[in-house]
Amino acid sequence: MERVSADEREPARVSDGIYLADLATGERAGMTYWRIDPGERLPPHRHDNEQIGYVISGRLVALVEGEEHVLEPGDSYAFPSGELHGAENRGDEPAVGVGILSPPRDEPDWSDGTADAESESQSRSESESESGTAASPAESD
């Protein structure tokens, strides 16, 4: 059994105002925690994965093949493989939920690549704190 606790879940910024954290993942499906901050937009994209999910809090407008669908807390959704979809948070609070992709997916193709850099920076800071050393600005660039 794989268990991922809230303490182990560290959301990484993958694009402006968009955060993802891997949750439990099996051979055929992977679960992801997501958060979209107010005013932010998940760009329209498509992928070979089937995607289902659940909105925990906040409100989103799902953009699906040119149509808009409001998603509120308690709503679930499903995007078939290959369907063009995105989302906008037009509210004043973060939208939070979980998504499940089958098969599991690594970093999304719409990511701006900041997740790896931020995770590496955070790991380096944690290591420095534990060892009592800090890298000089030249070393951390």
Protein backbone atom coordinates (compact mmCIF):
# COMPACT_ATOMS: atom_id res chain seq x y z
CA MET A 1 0.00 0.00 0.00
CA GLU A 2 1.17 3.51 -0.76
CA ARG A 3 0.11 6.29 1.60
CA VAL A 4 0.84 9.98 1.08
CA SER A 5 0.04 12.12 4.12
CA ALA A 6 -0.72 15.83 4.10
CA ASP A 7 2.72 16.43 5.65
CA GLU A 8 4.38 14.61 2.73
CA ARG A 9 2.41 16.48 0.09
CA GLU A 10 4.42 19.51 -0.99
CA PRO A 11 2.69 21.41 -3.80
CA ALA A 12 5.14 22.74 -6.39
CA ARG A 13 4.46 25.79 -8.54
CA VAL A 14 4.25 24.56 -12.13
CA SER A 15 3.04 27.83 -13.64
CA ASP A 16 1.98 31.26 -12.32
CA GLY A 17 -0.53 30.62 -9.52
CA ILE A 18 -0.87 26.90 -10.30
CA TYR A 19 0.39 24.28 -7.86
CA LEU A 20 0.45 20.49 -8.10
CA ALA A 21 1.49 17.74 -5.70
CA ASP A 22 1.71 14.05 -6.45
CA LEU A 23 -0.45 11.87 -4.26
CA ALA A 24 -0.68 8.08 -4.36
CA THR A 25 0.14 6.60 -7.76
CA GLY A 26 -0.36 3.08 -9.06
CA GLU A 27 0.66 1.34 -12.24
CA ARG A 28 -2.44 2.47 -14.16
CA ALA A 29 -3.53 5.72 -12.50
CA GLY A 30 -2.02 8.62 -10.60
CA MET A 31 -3.66 11.08 -8.21
CA THR A 32 -2.66 14.74 -8.00
CA TYR A 33 -3.57 17.53 -5.57
CA TRP A 34 -4.08 20.80 -7.45
CA ARG A 35 -4.57 24.45 -6.51
CA ILE A 36 -5.32 27.35 -8.85
CA ASP A 37 -5.02 30.79 -7.30
CA PRO A 38 -7.58 33.58 -7.91
CA GLY A 39 -7.21 35.22 -11.31
CA GLU A 40 -5.03 32.43 -12.71
CA ARG A 41 -5.59 30.29 -15.78
CA LEU A 42 -4.68 26.72 -16.59
CA PRO A 43 -4.00 26.91 -20.33
CA PRO A 44 -6.10 24.78 -22.68
CA HIS A 45 -4.31 21.53 -23.44
CA ARG A 46 -4.99 17.93 -24.36
CA HIS A 47 -3.29 14.69 -23.47
CA ASP A 48 -3.64 10.98 -24.04
CA ASN A 49 -4.58 10.42 -20.38
CA GLU A 50 -8.16 10.06 -19.24
CA GLN A 51 -8.68 12.57 -16.40
CA ILE A 52 -11.29 12.63 -13.65
CA GLY A 53 -11.36 14.85 -10.59
CA TYR A 54 -13.14 16.45 -7.68
CA VAL A 55 -13.35 20.09 -6.52
CA ILE A 56 -12.76 20.42 -2.77
CA SER A 57 -13.00 24.21 -2.37
CA GLY A 58 -13.21 27.36 -4.44
CA ARG A 59 -14.78 27.69 -7.84
CA LEU A 60 -13.45 27.14 -11.36
CA VAL A 61 -14.67 27.71 -14.86
CA ALA A 62 -13.66 24.69 -16.94
CA LEU A 63 -12.94 25.55 -20.56
CA VAL A 64 -13.82 22.49 -22.62
CA GLU A 65 -13.67 22.48 -26.42
CA GLY A 66 -14.68 26.18 -26.47
CA GLU A 67 -17.49 25.86 -23.90
CA GLU A 68 -17.52 27.04 -20.27
CA HIS A 69 -18.65 24.87 -17.34
CA VAL A 70 -18.74 26.11 -13.73
CA LEU A 71 -17.22 23.71 -11.18
CA GLU A 72 -18.01 24.26 -7.49
CA PRO A 73 -17.08 22.42 -4.27
CA GLY A 74 -18.44 18.90 -4.38
CA ASP A 75 -18.50 18.73 -8.18
CA SER A 76 -16.66 15.97 -10.01
CA TYR A 77 -15.56 16.07 -13.64
CA ALA A 78 -14.21 13.82 -16.38
CA PHE A 79 -12.16 14.66 -19.48
CA PRO A 80 -11.84 11.85 -22.02
CA SER A 81 -8.46 11.22 -23.59
CA GLY A 82 -7.67 13.87 -26.19
CA GLU A 83 -10.34 16.40 -25.14
CA LEU A 84 -9.16 20.04 -25.21
CA HIS A 85 -9.60 21.47 -21.69
CA GLY A 86 -8.32 24.16 -19.34
CA ALA A 87 -9.64 26.18 -16.41
CA GLU A 88 -9.84 29.71 -15.01
CA ASN A 89 -10.25 30.78 -11.41
CA ARG A 90 -12.45 33.86 -11.67
CA GLY A 91 -13.20 33.85 -7.94
CA ASP A 92 -11.50 35.48 -4.98
CA GLU A 93 -10.23 32.33 -3.25
CA PRO A 94 -7.99 29.48 -4.38
CA ALA A 95 -9.68 26.56 -6.10
CA VAL A 96 -8.47 23.24 -4.68
CA GLY A 97 -9.13 19.68 -5.73
CA VAL A 98 -7.76 16.31 -6.74
CA GLY A 99 -7.32 14.88 -10.20
CA ILE A 100 -6.71 11.33 -11.33
CA LEU A 101 -5.01 10.55 -14.61
CA SER A 102 -4.90 7.18 -16.29
CA PRO A 103 -2.28 6.27 -17.16
CA PRO A 104 -0.20 8.32 -14.66
CA ARG A 105 1.55 11.40 -16.05
CA ASP A 106 4.79 13.15 -15.18
CA GLU A 107 5.03 16.93 -15.36
CA PRO A 108 2.28 18.43 -17.55
CA ASP A 109 3.29 19.70 -20.98
CA TRP A 110 1.85 23.17 -20.20
CA SER A 111 4.12 23.62 -17.15
CA ASP A 112 6.63 26.46 -17.31
CA GLY A 113 9.30 24.18 -15.81
CA THR A 114 9.46 25.94 -12.43
CA ALA A 115 8.47 22.90 -10.36
CA ASP A 116 11.86 21.19 -10.65
CA ALA A 117 13.79 24.40 -10.01
CA GLU A 118 11.73 25.30 -6.94
CA SER A 119 11.90 21.77 -5.53
CA GLU A 120 15.68 21.73 -6.03
CA SER A 121 16.00 25.15 -4.37
CA GLN A 122 13.84 24.06 -1.43
CA SER A 123 15.82 20.81 -1.01
CA ARG A 124 19.08 22.78 -1.07
CA SER A 125 17.75 25.22 1.56
CA GLU A 126 16.60 22.35 3.79
CA SER A 127 20.00 20.65 3.48
CA GLU A 128 21.80 23.87 4.32
CA SER A 129 19.56 24.43 7.35
CA GLU A 130 20.25 20.92 8.63
CA SER A 131 24.02 21.19 8.11
CA GLY A 132 24.27 24.78 9.30
CA THR A 133 25.93 25.91 6.07
CA ALA A 134 24.64 28.22 3.41
CA ALA A 135 25.74 28.48 -0.17
CA SER A 136 27.13 31.76 -1.39
CA PRO A 137 25.04 33.58 -4.03
CA ALA A 138 27.46 32.40 -6.73
CA GLU A 139 27.01 28.76 -5.65
CA SER A 140 23.22 28.92 -5.67
CA ASP A 141 22.86 30.31 -9.23
